[in-house]
Amino acid sequence: MATRCTLVGMPGSGKSTVGRHLARRLGCDFVDMDQQLEQRLGCSIRSYFEARGEAAFRAHEAALLAELAAQPGPIVLSTGGGVVLRADNRALLRTHCAPVFYLRANADEIFHRLRHDRKRPLLQVDNPQERLRLLFRERDPLYREVAHYVMETRRASVQALVSRVQMQLEMAAPDGAGGPVPG
């Protein structure tokens, strides 16, 4: 089954890891927007944030999303955590990057996963756990707005999440769309 899907969620929710495994299982390309942006910008996202600011970064992110949304063919797309902040991005995600899977992890779970992370620019603050709680309150409704499916990540292994996404893709496939997804 040739398919495309998009993974959204907070930083550290597992989008890149789940996306990489899912693409391998589906036999299609995997695109990590943050990696693509770092290649295009020629530096880390953190360095770019420090030098040019978040607004400049978000403009590059929106341009890349529009480019990827316009590309035909099967793909598993992992977005950056803040891609949902722009209304235009949310519209693109919902219509041209569907189906969208929200890998939902609460702020405390994410803090536990990322407590030693030094590369994510929005977490380089005095109280990263509180920052994550604020980001979660701001972004959770936006992720839900674009999501066709919400996948709770708490206590779920990567393989379990991959299987759940694959199952939803198979159930959503129109009859005669090429049979089951390779496992």
N, C-alpha and C. Protein backbone atom coordinates (compact mmCIF):
# COMPACT_ATOMS: atom_id res chain seq x y z
N MET A 1 0.85 -1.18 0.00
CA MET A 1 0.00 0.00 0.00
C MET A 1 0.89 1.23 0.00
N ALA A 2 0.78 2.05 -1.02
CA ALA A 2 1.51 3.31 -1.06
C ALA A 2 0.73 4.31 -0.22
N THR A 3 1.41 4.89 0.74
CA THR A 3 0.70 5.79 1.65
C THR A 3 1.61 6.92 2.06
N ARG A 4 1.00 7.93 2.58
CA ARG A 4 1.75 8.99 3.24
C ARG A 4 1.06 9.27 4.55
N CYS A 5 1.86 9.67 5.50
CA CYS A 5 1.30 10.07 6.78
C CYS A 5 2.29 11.00 7.45
N THR A 6 1.78 11.71 8.44
CA THR A 6 2.57 12.71 9.14
C THR A 6 2.44 12.50 10.63
N LEU A 7 3.57 12.68 11.32
CA LEU A 7 3.60 12.57 12.77
C LEU A 7 3.84 13.94 13.37
N VAL A 8 2.99 14.34 14.31
CA VAL A 8 3.14 15.60 15.04
C VAL A 8 3.18 15.30 16.53
N GLY A 9 3.69 16.24 17.29
CA GLY A 9 3.72 16.09 18.74
C GLY A 9 4.82 16.94 19.34
N MET A 10 4.85 16.93 20.64
CA MET A 10 5.83 17.70 21.40
C MET A 10 7.24 17.21 21.10
N PRO A 11 8.24 18.08 21.33
CA PRO A 11 9.62 17.61 21.24
C PRO A 11 9.80 16.44 22.20
N GLY A 12 10.43 15.38 21.72
CA GLY A 12 10.67 14.23 22.58
C GLY A 12 9.52 13.23 22.65
N SER A 13 8.48 13.42 21.84
CA SER A 13 7.33 12.50 21.88
C SER A 13 7.58 11.22 21.09
N GLY A 14 8.65 11.18 20.31
CA GLY A 14 8.99 9.97 19.57
C GLY A 14 8.74 10.04 18.08
N LYS A 15 8.48 11.22 17.56
CA LYS A 15 8.14 11.36 16.13
C LYS A 15 9.23 10.80 15.22
N SER A 16 10.47 11.16 15.46
CA SER A 16 11.57 10.71 14.59
C SER A 16 11.79 9.21 14.70
N THR A 17 11.80 8.70 15.91
CA THR A 17 12.04 7.27 16.11
C THR A 17 10.91 6.43 15.53
N VAL A 18 9.68 6.78 15.87
CA VAL A 18 8.53 6.05 15.34
C VAL A 18 8.47 6.19 13.83
N GLY A 19 8.70 7.39 13.33
CA GLY A 19 8.65 7.63 11.89
C GLY A 19 9.66 6.80 11.12
N ARG A 20 10.88 6.73 11.62
CA ARG A 20 11.93 5.96 10.96
C ARG A 20 11.53 4.48 10.89
N HIS A 21 11.05 3.92 12.00
CA HIS A 21 10.64 2.52 12.03
C HIS A 21 9.41 2.27 11.14
N LEU A 22 8.46 3.20 11.16
CA LEU A 22 7.25 3.06 10.36
C LEU A 22 7.58 3.07 8.87
N ALA A 23 8.42 4.00 8.46
CA ALA A 23 8.79 4.09 7.04
C ALA A 23 9.48 2.80 6.58
N ARG A 24 10.34 2.26 7.43
CA ARG A 24 11.02 1.01 7.11
C ARG A 24 9.98 -0.10 6.93
N ARG A 25 9.02 -0.16 7.84
CA ARG A 25 8.00 -1.21 7.77
C ARG A 25 7.11 -1.04 6.54
N LEU A 26 6.79 0.20 6.18
CA LEU A 26 5.92 0.46 5.03
C LEU A 26 6.67 0.43 3.71
N GLY A 27 8.00 0.47 3.78
CA GLY A 27 8.81 0.47 2.56
C GLY A 27 8.73 1.78 1.80
N CYS A 28 8.70 2.89 2.55
CA CYS A 28 8.65 4.19 1.90
C CYS A 28 9.69 5.13 2.52
N ASP A 29 9.82 6.31 1.95
CA ASP A 29 10.79 7.28 2.44
C ASP A 29 10.37 7.88 3.77
N PHE A 30 11.37 8.21 4.57
CA PHE A 30 11.16 8.91 5.84
C PHE A 30 11.81 10.27 5.73
N VAL A 31 11.07 11.32 6.12
CA VAL A 31 11.62 12.67 6.12
C VAL A 31 11.44 13.26 7.52
N ASP A 32 12.55 13.64 8.12
CA ASP A 32 12.56 14.32 9.41
C ASP A 32 12.77 15.80 9.11
N MET A 33 11.74 16.60 9.34
CA MET A 33 11.82 18.02 8.99
C MET A 33 12.96 18.73 9.72
N ASP A 34 13.18 18.41 10.98
CA ASP A 34 14.26 19.08 11.71
C ASP A 34 15.62 18.77 11.08
N GLN A 35 15.85 17.52 10.68
CA GLN A 35 17.12 17.17 10.02
C GLN A 35 17.25 17.90 8.69
N GLN A 36 16.16 17.94 7.92
CA GLN A 36 16.19 18.64 6.63
C GLN A 36 16.49 20.12 6.83
N LEU A 37 15.86 20.73 7.84
CA LEU A 37 16.11 22.15 8.09
C LEU A 37 17.55 22.40 8.50
N GLU A 38 18.12 21.55 9.34
CA GLU A 38 19.52 21.73 9.73
C GLU A 38 20.44 21.63 8.53
N GLN A 39 20.15 20.71 7.61
CA GLN A 39 20.96 20.60 6.39
C GLN A 39 20.85 21.87 5.56
N ARG A 40 19.64 22.37 5.39
CA ARG A 40 19.44 23.56 4.56
C ARG A 40 20.01 24.82 5.20
N LEU A 41 19.90 24.92 6.52
CA LEU A 41 20.39 26.11 7.23
C LEU A 41 21.90 26.07 7.43
N GLY A 42 22.47 24.88 7.36
CA GLY A 42 23.91 24.74 7.53
C GLY A 42 24.37 24.83 8.98
N CYS A 43 23.43 24.66 9.90
CA CYS A 43 23.78 24.70 11.32
C CYS A 43 22.66 24.04 12.11
N SER A 44 22.88 23.87 13.40
CA SER A 44 21.85 23.27 14.24
C SER A 44 20.69 24.25 14.41
N ILE A 45 19.54 23.70 14.73
CA ILE A 45 18.37 24.55 14.98
C ILE A 45 18.66 25.46 16.16
N ARG A 46 19.30 24.93 17.17
CA ARG A 46 19.64 25.76 18.33
C ARG A 46 20.51 26.95 17.93
N SER A 47 21.54 26.72 17.12
CA SER A 47 22.41 27.81 16.66
C SER A 47 21.62 28.83 15.84
N TYR A 48 20.73 28.33 14.98
CA TYR A 48 19.94 29.23 14.16
C TYR A 48 19.01 30.07 15.03
N PHE A 49 18.37 29.45 16.01
CA PHE A 49 17.51 30.19 16.95
C PHE A 49 18.31 31.31 17.61
N GLU A 50 19.50 30.98 18.10
CA GLU A 50 20.33 31.97 18.80
C GLU A 50 20.75 33.11 17.89
N ALA A 51 21.09 32.80 16.64
CA ALA A 51 21.59 33.82 15.72
C ALA A 51 20.47 34.64 15.06
N ARG A 52 19.37 33.98 14.67
CA ARG A 52 18.35 34.66 13.87
C ARG A 52 16.98 34.76 14.54
N GLY A 53 16.75 33.98 15.58
CA GLY A 53 15.48 34.04 16.29
C GLY A 53 14.46 33.02 15.80
N GLU A 54 13.44 32.83 16.62
CA GLU A 54 12.43 31.82 16.33
C GLU A 54 11.60 32.17 15.10
N ALA A 55 11.27 33.45 14.92
CA ALA A 55 10.42 33.83 13.78
C ALA A 55 11.08 33.48 12.45
N ALA A 56 12.37 33.74 12.32
CA ALA A 56 13.09 33.40 11.09
C ALA A 56 13.10 31.89 10.87
N PHE A 57 13.31 31.14 11.96
CA PHE A 57 13.29 29.69 11.85
C PHE A 57 11.92 29.20 11.39
N ARG A 58 10.86 29.73 11.99
CA ARG A 58 9.50 29.28 11.66
C ARG A 58 9.17 29.55 10.19
N ALA A 59 9.73 30.62 9.62
CA ALA A 59 9.51 30.91 8.19
C ALA A 59 10.14 29.82 7.33
N HIS A 60 11.35 29.40 7.66
CA HIS A 60 12.00 28.30 6.93
C HIS A 60 11.21 27.00 7.09
N GLU A 61 10.73 26.76 8.29
CA GLU A 61 9.97 25.56 8.59
C GLU A 61 8.69 25.53 7.74
N ALA A 62 8.00 26.65 7.65
CA ALA A 62 6.76 26.73 6.88
C ALA A 62 7.03 26.50 5.39
N ALA A 63 8.13 27.05 4.88
CA ALA A 63 8.47 26.87 3.47
C ALA A 63 8.76 25.39 3.17
N LEU A 64 9.48 24.73 4.08
CA LEU A 64 9.78 23.31 3.88
C LEU A 64 8.51 22.47 3.95
N LEU A 65 7.63 22.76 4.88
CA LEU A 65 6.38 22.02 4.97
C LEU A 65 5.58 22.15 3.68
N ALA A 66 5.49 23.36 3.15
CA ALA A 66 4.74 23.57 1.90
C ALA A 66 5.37 22.76 0.76
N GLU A 67 6.67 22.73 0.71
CA GLU A 67 7.37 21.97 -0.32
C GLU A 67 7.08 20.47 -0.18
N LEU A 68 7.17 19.96 1.03
CA LEU A 68 6.93 18.54 1.27
C LEU A 68 5.48 18.16 1.02
N ALA A 69 4.56 19.04 1.39
CA ALA A 69 3.13 18.78 1.18
C ALA A 69 2.80 18.67 -0.30
N ALA A 70 3.54 19.39 -1.14
CA ALA A 70 3.28 19.39 -2.58
C ALA A 70 3.89 18.19 -3.30
N GLN A 71 4.79 17.48 -2.65
CA GLN A 71 5.44 16.33 -3.29
C GLN A 71 4.50 15.14 -3.30
N PRO A 72 4.38 14.49 -4.46
CA PRO A 72 3.55 13.28 -4.53
C PRO A 72 4.33 12.07 -4.01
N GLY A 73 3.60 11.01 -3.80
CA GLY A 73 4.25 9.76 -3.46
C GLY A 73 4.23 9.44 -1.98
N PRO A 74 4.54 8.18 -1.67
CA PRO A 74 4.51 7.73 -0.28
C PRO A 74 5.65 8.31 0.54
N ILE A 75 5.32 8.70 1.76
CA ILE A 75 6.30 9.30 2.65
C ILE A 75 5.78 9.21 4.09
N VAL A 76 6.69 9.06 5.02
CA VAL A 76 6.38 9.24 6.43
C VAL A 76 7.11 10.50 6.84
N LEU A 77 6.36 11.49 7.29
CA LEU A 77 6.91 12.80 7.62
C LEU A 77 6.87 13.03 9.12
N SER A 78 8.02 13.35 9.68
CA SER A 78 8.13 13.73 11.10
C SER A 78 8.34 15.23 11.14
N THR A 79 7.42 15.93 11.78
CA THR A 79 7.50 17.39 11.85
C THR A 79 8.25 17.83 13.10
N GLY A 80 8.63 19.09 13.11
CA GLY A 80 9.17 19.69 14.32
C GLY A 80 8.02 19.97 15.28
N GLY A 81 8.33 20.06 16.56
CA GLY A 81 7.30 20.24 17.58
C GLY A 81 6.49 21.51 17.44
N GLY A 82 7.08 22.56 16.87
CA GLY A 82 6.38 23.84 16.78
C GLY A 82 5.72 24.11 15.44
N VAL A 83 5.70 23.14 14.55
CA VAL A 83 5.14 23.36 13.22
C VAL A 83 3.67 23.78 13.28
N VAL A 84 2.97 23.40 14.33
CA VAL A 84 1.53 23.69 14.44
C VAL A 84 1.24 25.12 14.89
N LEU A 85 2.27 25.90 15.19
CA LEU A 85 2.04 27.25 15.71
C LEU A 85 1.47 28.20 14.66
N ARG A 86 1.72 27.93 13.39
CA ARG A 86 1.20 28.78 12.31
C ARG A 86 -0.09 28.18 11.73
N ALA A 87 -1.09 29.02 11.59
CA ALA A 87 -2.38 28.57 11.06
C ALA A 87 -2.23 27.98 9.65
N ASP A 88 -1.39 28.58 8.80
CA ASP A 88 -1.19 28.06 7.45
C ASP A 88 -0.61 26.65 7.49
N ASN A 89 0.32 26.40 8.42
CA ASN A 89 0.89 25.06 8.56
C ASN A 89 -0.18 24.06 9.00
N ARG A 90 -1.03 24.48 9.93
CA ARG A 90 -2.08 23.58 10.40
C ARG A 90 -3.01 23.20 9.26
N ALA A 91 -3.35 24.16 8.41
CA ALA A 91 -4.23 23.87 7.27
C ALA A 91 -3.55 22.90 6.30
N LEU A 92 -2.28 23.11 6.03
CA LEU A 92 -1.53 22.21 5.14
C LEU A 92 -1.45 20.80 5.72
N LEU A 93 -1.16 20.72 6.99
CA LEU A 93 -1.06 19.41 7.63
C LEU A 93 -2.38 18.66 7.50
N ARG A 94 -3.45 19.33 7.79
CA ARG A 94 -4.77 18.69 7.81
C ARG A 94 -5.20 18.22 6.43
N THR A 95 -4.87 19.00 5.40
CA THR A 95 -5.38 18.70 4.06
C THR A 95 -4.39 18.00 3.15
N HIS A 96 -3.11 18.36 3.20
CA HIS A 96 -2.14 17.83 2.24
C HIS A 96 -1.12 16.86 2.84
N CYS A 97 -1.15 16.67 4.13
CA CYS A 97 -0.20 15.77 4.79
C CYS A 97 -0.92 14.67 5.55
N ALA A 98 -2.16 14.45 5.20
CA ALA A 98 -3.02 13.50 5.91
C ALA A 98 -2.69 12.06 5.51
N PRO A 99 -2.98 11.13 6.42
CA PRO A 99 -3.49 11.36 7.76
C PRO A 99 -2.38 11.81 8.71
N VAL A 100 -2.79 12.59 9.71
CA VAL A 100 -1.86 13.11 10.71
C VAL A 100 -2.08 12.34 12.02
N PHE A 101 -0.97 11.86 12.58
CA PHE A 101 -0.98 11.14 13.84
C PHE A 101 -0.30 12.00 14.90
N TYR A 102 -1.02 12.29 15.97
CA TYR A 102 -0.48 13.05 17.09
C TYR A 102 0.05 12.05 18.10
N LEU A 103 1.38 12.02 18.27
CA LEU A 103 2.00 11.19 19.29
C LEU A 103 1.96 12.00 20.58
N ARG A 104 1.01 11.69 21.42
CA ARG A 104 0.72 12.52 22.59
C ARG A 104 1.43 11.99 23.83
N ALA A 105 2.32 12.82 24.35
CA ALA A 105 3.01 12.55 25.61
C ALA A 105 2.88 13.81 26.44
N ASN A 106 2.56 13.66 27.73
CA ASN A 106 2.39 14.86 28.55
C ASN A 106 3.74 15.46 28.93
N ALA A 107 3.71 16.64 29.47
CA ALA A 107 4.94 17.40 29.75
C ALA A 107 5.87 16.69 30.72
N ASP A 108 5.32 16.02 31.72
CA ASP A 108 6.18 15.33 32.68
C ASP A 108 6.88 14.12 32.06
N GLU A 109 6.16 13.38 31.19
CA GLU A 109 6.79 12.27 30.46
C GLU A 109 7.94 12.79 29.59
N ILE A 110 7.68 13.89 28.89
CA ILE A 110 8.68 14.45 27.99
C ILE A 110 9.88 14.95 28.79
N PHE A 111 9.63 15.59 29.92
CA PHE A 111 10.74 16.06 30.75
C PHE A 111 11.62 14.88 31.16
N HIS A 112 11.00 13.78 31.54
CA HIS A 112 11.76 12.59 31.93
C HIS A 112 12.65 12.12 30.77
N ARG A 113 12.11 12.15 29.55
CA ARG A 113 12.87 11.71 28.38
C ARG A 113 13.98 12.68 28.00
N LEU A 114 13.72 13.98 28.18
CA LEU A 114 14.64 15.02 27.66
C LEU A 114 15.45 15.74 28.73
N ARG A 115 15.41 15.28 29.95
CA ARG A 115 16.02 16.06 31.04
C ARG A 115 17.51 16.32 30.85
N HIS A 116 18.20 15.52 30.03
CA HIS A 116 19.62 15.73 29.80
C HIS A 116 19.92 16.31 28.42
N ASP A 117 18.87 16.63 27.67
CA ASP A 117 19.02 17.14 26.30
C ASP A 117 19.54 18.58 26.33
N ARG A 118 20.57 18.87 25.56
CA ARG A 118 21.13 20.22 25.52
C ARG A 118 21.02 20.86 24.14
N LYS A 119 20.34 20.18 23.19
CA LYS A 119 20.30 20.73 21.84
C LYS A 119 18.97 21.38 21.47
N ARG A 120 17.93 21.14 22.22
CA ARG A 120 16.62 21.71 21.86
C ARG A 120 16.53 23.13 22.40
N PRO A 121 16.44 24.11 21.51
CA PRO A 121 16.54 25.51 21.94
C PRO A 121 15.47 25.97 22.92
N LEU A 122 14.26 25.48 22.78
CA LEU A 122 13.18 25.95 23.66
C LEU A 122 13.30 25.40 25.08
N LEU A 123 14.20 24.43 25.28
CA LEU A 123 14.35 23.84 26.61
C LEU A 123 15.60 24.35 27.33
N GLN A 124 16.32 25.26 26.73
CA GLN A 124 17.53 25.79 27.35
C GLN A 124 17.17 26.99 28.23
N VAL A 125 16.42 26.68 29.28
CA VAL A 125 15.94 27.70 30.22
C VAL A 125 16.20 27.20 31.64
N ASP A 126 16.00 28.08 32.62
CA ASP A 126 16.25 27.71 34.02
C ASP A 126 15.37 26.56 34.50
N ASN A 127 14.11 26.52 34.08
CA ASN A 127 13.20 25.48 34.53
C ASN A 127 12.56 24.79 33.31
N PRO A 128 13.28 23.84 32.70
CA PRO A 128 12.75 23.20 31.49
C PRO A 128 11.46 22.43 31.71
N GLN A 129 11.25 21.88 32.91
CA GLN A 129 10.01 21.15 33.15
C GLN A 129 8.80 22.09 33.10
N GLU A 130 8.94 23.26 33.70
CA GLU A 130 7.85 24.24 33.64
C GLU A 130 7.65 24.73 32.21
N ARG A 131 8.75 24.91 31.49
CA ARG A 131 8.67 25.34 30.08
C ARG A 131 7.90 24.30 29.27
N LEU A 132 8.18 23.02 29.49
CA LEU A 132 7.46 21.96 28.79
C LEU A 132 5.97 21.98 29.13
N ARG A 133 5.64 22.25 30.38
CA ARG A 133 4.23 22.32 30.77
C ARG A 133 3.52 23.45 30.04
N LEU A 134 4.19 24.60 29.94
CA LEU A 134 3.61 25.73 29.20
C LEU A 134 3.44 25.40 27.73
N LEU A 135 4.48 24.81 27.12
CA LEU A 135 4.41 24.44 25.71
C LEU A 135 3.29 23.43 25.48
N PHE A 136 3.16 22.46 26.37
CA PHE A 136 2.11 21.45 26.22
C PHE A 136 0.74 22.10 26.28
N ARG A 137 0.51 22.99 27.23
CA ARG A 137 -0.81 23.66 27.34
C ARG A 137 -1.10 24.47 26.07
N GLU A 138 -0.08 25.09 25.51
CA GLU A 138 -0.26 25.90 24.30
C GLU A 138 -0.48 25.02 23.07
N ARG A 139 0.28 23.95 22.96
CA ARG A 139 0.31 23.18 21.72
C ARG A 139 -0.67 22.01 21.65
N ASP A 140 -1.02 21.42 22.78
CA ASP A 140 -1.90 20.24 22.75
C ASP A 140 -3.17 20.50 21.94
N PRO A 141 -3.86 21.63 22.14
CA PRO A 141 -5.07 21.88 21.33
C PRO A 141 -4.75 22.02 19.84
N LEU A 142 -3.57 22.53 19.52
CA LEU A 142 -3.19 22.70 18.10
C LEU A 142 -2.88 21.35 17.46
N TYR A 143 -2.19 20.48 18.20
CA TYR A 143 -1.94 19.13 17.69
C TYR A 143 -3.26 18.40 17.47
N ARG A 144 -4.17 18.55 18.41
CA ARG A 144 -5.48 17.89 18.29
C ARG A 144 -6.25 18.43 17.08
N GLU A 145 -6.09 19.73 16.81
CA GLU A 145 -6.77 20.35 15.66
C GLU A 145 -6.36 19.71 14.34
N VAL A 146 -5.08 19.39 14.19
CA VAL A 146 -4.60 18.85 12.91
C VAL A 146 -4.67 17.33 12.86
N ALA A 147 -4.79 16.67 14.00
CA ALA A 147 -4.69 15.21 14.05
C ALA A 147 -5.95 14.51 13.55
N HIS A 148 -5.72 13.49 12.77
CA HIS A 148 -6.79 12.57 12.40
C HIS A 148 -6.86 11.45 13.45
N TYR A 149 -5.71 11.19 14.08
CA TYR A 149 -5.63 10.16 15.12
C TYR A 149 -4.73 10.65 16.24
N VAL A 150 -5.11 10.37 17.47
CA VAL A 150 -4.28 10.69 18.64
C VAL A 150 -3.79 9.37 19.21
N MET A 151 -2.47 9.25 19.33
CA MET A 151 -1.85 8.03 19.86
C MET A 151 -1.15 8.38 21.17
N GLU A 152 -1.66 7.87 22.26
CA GLU A 152 -1.02 8.08 23.56
C GLU A 152 0.27 7.28 23.60
N THR A 153 1.37 7.93 23.97
CA THR A 153 2.67 7.24 23.96
C THR A 153 3.05 6.67 25.31
N ARG A 154 2.33 7.03 26.33
CA ARG A 154 2.67 6.56 27.68
C ARG A 154 2.68 5.03 27.73
N ARG A 155 3.78 4.49 28.18
CA ARG A 155 3.97 3.05 28.34
C ARG A 155 3.86 2.27 27.04
N ALA A 156 3.93 2.92 25.91
CA ALA A 156 3.88 2.21 24.62
C ALA A 156 5.29 2.14 24.05
N SER A 157 5.67 0.96 23.62
CA SER A 157 6.98 0.81 22.99
C SER A 157 6.93 1.41 21.59
N VAL A 158 8.11 1.62 21.02
CA VAL A 158 8.19 2.13 19.65
C VAL A 158 7.46 1.17 18.72
N GLN A 159 7.71 -0.13 18.86
CA GLN A 159 7.07 -1.11 17.97
C GLN A 159 5.56 -1.12 18.13
N ALA A 160 5.08 -0.95 19.36
CA ALA A 160 3.62 -0.91 19.58
C ALA A 160 3.02 0.31 18.88
N LEU A 161 3.69 1.46 18.98
CA LEU A 161 3.19 2.67 18.30
C LEU A 161 3.21 2.49 16.79
N VAL A 162 4.29 1.93 16.26
CA VAL A 162 4.39 1.69 14.82
C VAL A 162 3.24 0.78 14.37
N SER A 163 2.98 -0.27 15.13
CA SER A 163 1.90 -1.19 14.77
C SER A 163 0.54 -0.51 14.83
N ARG A 164 0.33 0.35 15.81
CA ARG A 164 -0.96 1.06 15.93
C ARG A 164 -1.16 2.01 14.76
N VAL A 165 -0.10 2.73 14.38
CA VAL A 165 -0.21 3.63 13.23
C VAL A 165 -0.47 2.81 11.96
N GLN A 166 0.28 1.75 11.78
CA GLN A 166 0.11 0.91 10.59
C GLN A 166 -1.32 0.36 10.52
N MET A 167 -1.85 -0.08 11.64
CA MET A 167 -3.21 -0.60 11.67
C MET A 167 -4.22 0.47 11.23
N GLN A 168 -4.05 1.69 11.73
CA GLN A 168 -4.96 2.77 11.34
C GLN A 168 -4.84 3.06 9.84
N LEU A 169 -3.63 3.03 9.32
CA LEU A 169 -3.44 3.26 7.88
C LEU A 169 -4.13 2.18 7.06
N GLU A 170 -4.01 0.93 7.50
CA GLU A 170 -4.65 -0.18 6.79
C GLU A 170 -6.17 -0.06 6.84
N MET A 171 -6.71 0.31 8.00
CA MET A 171 -8.16 0.44 8.14
C MET A 171 -8.70 1.60 7.32
N ALA A 172 -7.89 2.64 7.13
CA ALA A 172 -8.32 3.82 6.39
C ALA A 172 -8.17 3.65 4.89
N ALA A 173 -7.39 2.65 4.46
CA ALA A 173 -7.15 2.47 3.03
C ALA A 173 -8.44 2.09 2.31
N PRO A 174 -8.68 2.71 1.16
CA PRO A 174 -9.87 2.34 0.40
C PRO A 174 -9.74 0.89 -0.10
N ASP A 175 -10.86 0.23 -0.27
CA ASP A 175 -10.83 -1.15 -0.77
C ASP A 175 -10.08 -1.20 -2.09
N GLY A 176 -9.28 -2.24 -2.22
CA GLY A 176 -8.53 -2.41 -3.47
C GLY A 176 -7.32 -1.52 -3.57
N ALA A 177 -6.86 -0.96 -2.47
CA ALA A 177 -5.73 -0.03 -2.52
C ALA A 177 -4.39 -0.76 -2.47
N GLY A 178 -4.38 -2.01 -2.81
CA GLY A 178 -3.11 -2.68 -2.88
C GLY A 178 -2.91 -3.72 -1.79
N GLY A 179 -3.92 -4.00 -1.01
CA GLY A 179 -3.81 -5.04 0.00
C GLY A 179 -3.11 -4.58 1.24
N PRO A 180 -2.69 -5.54 2.05
CA PRO A 180 -2.09 -5.20 3.34
C PRO A 180 -0.73 -4.56 3.20
N VAL A 181 -0.39 -3.79 4.19
CA VAL A 181 0.92 -3.16 4.25
C VAL A 181 1.95 -4.25 4.57
N PRO A 182 3.11 -4.24 3.90
CA PRO A 182 4.13 -5.22 4.22
C PRO A 182 4.51 -5.12 5.69
N GLY A 183 4.72 -6.24 6.37
CA GLY A 183 5.06 -6.23 7.79
C GLY A 183 6.44 -6.64 7.96
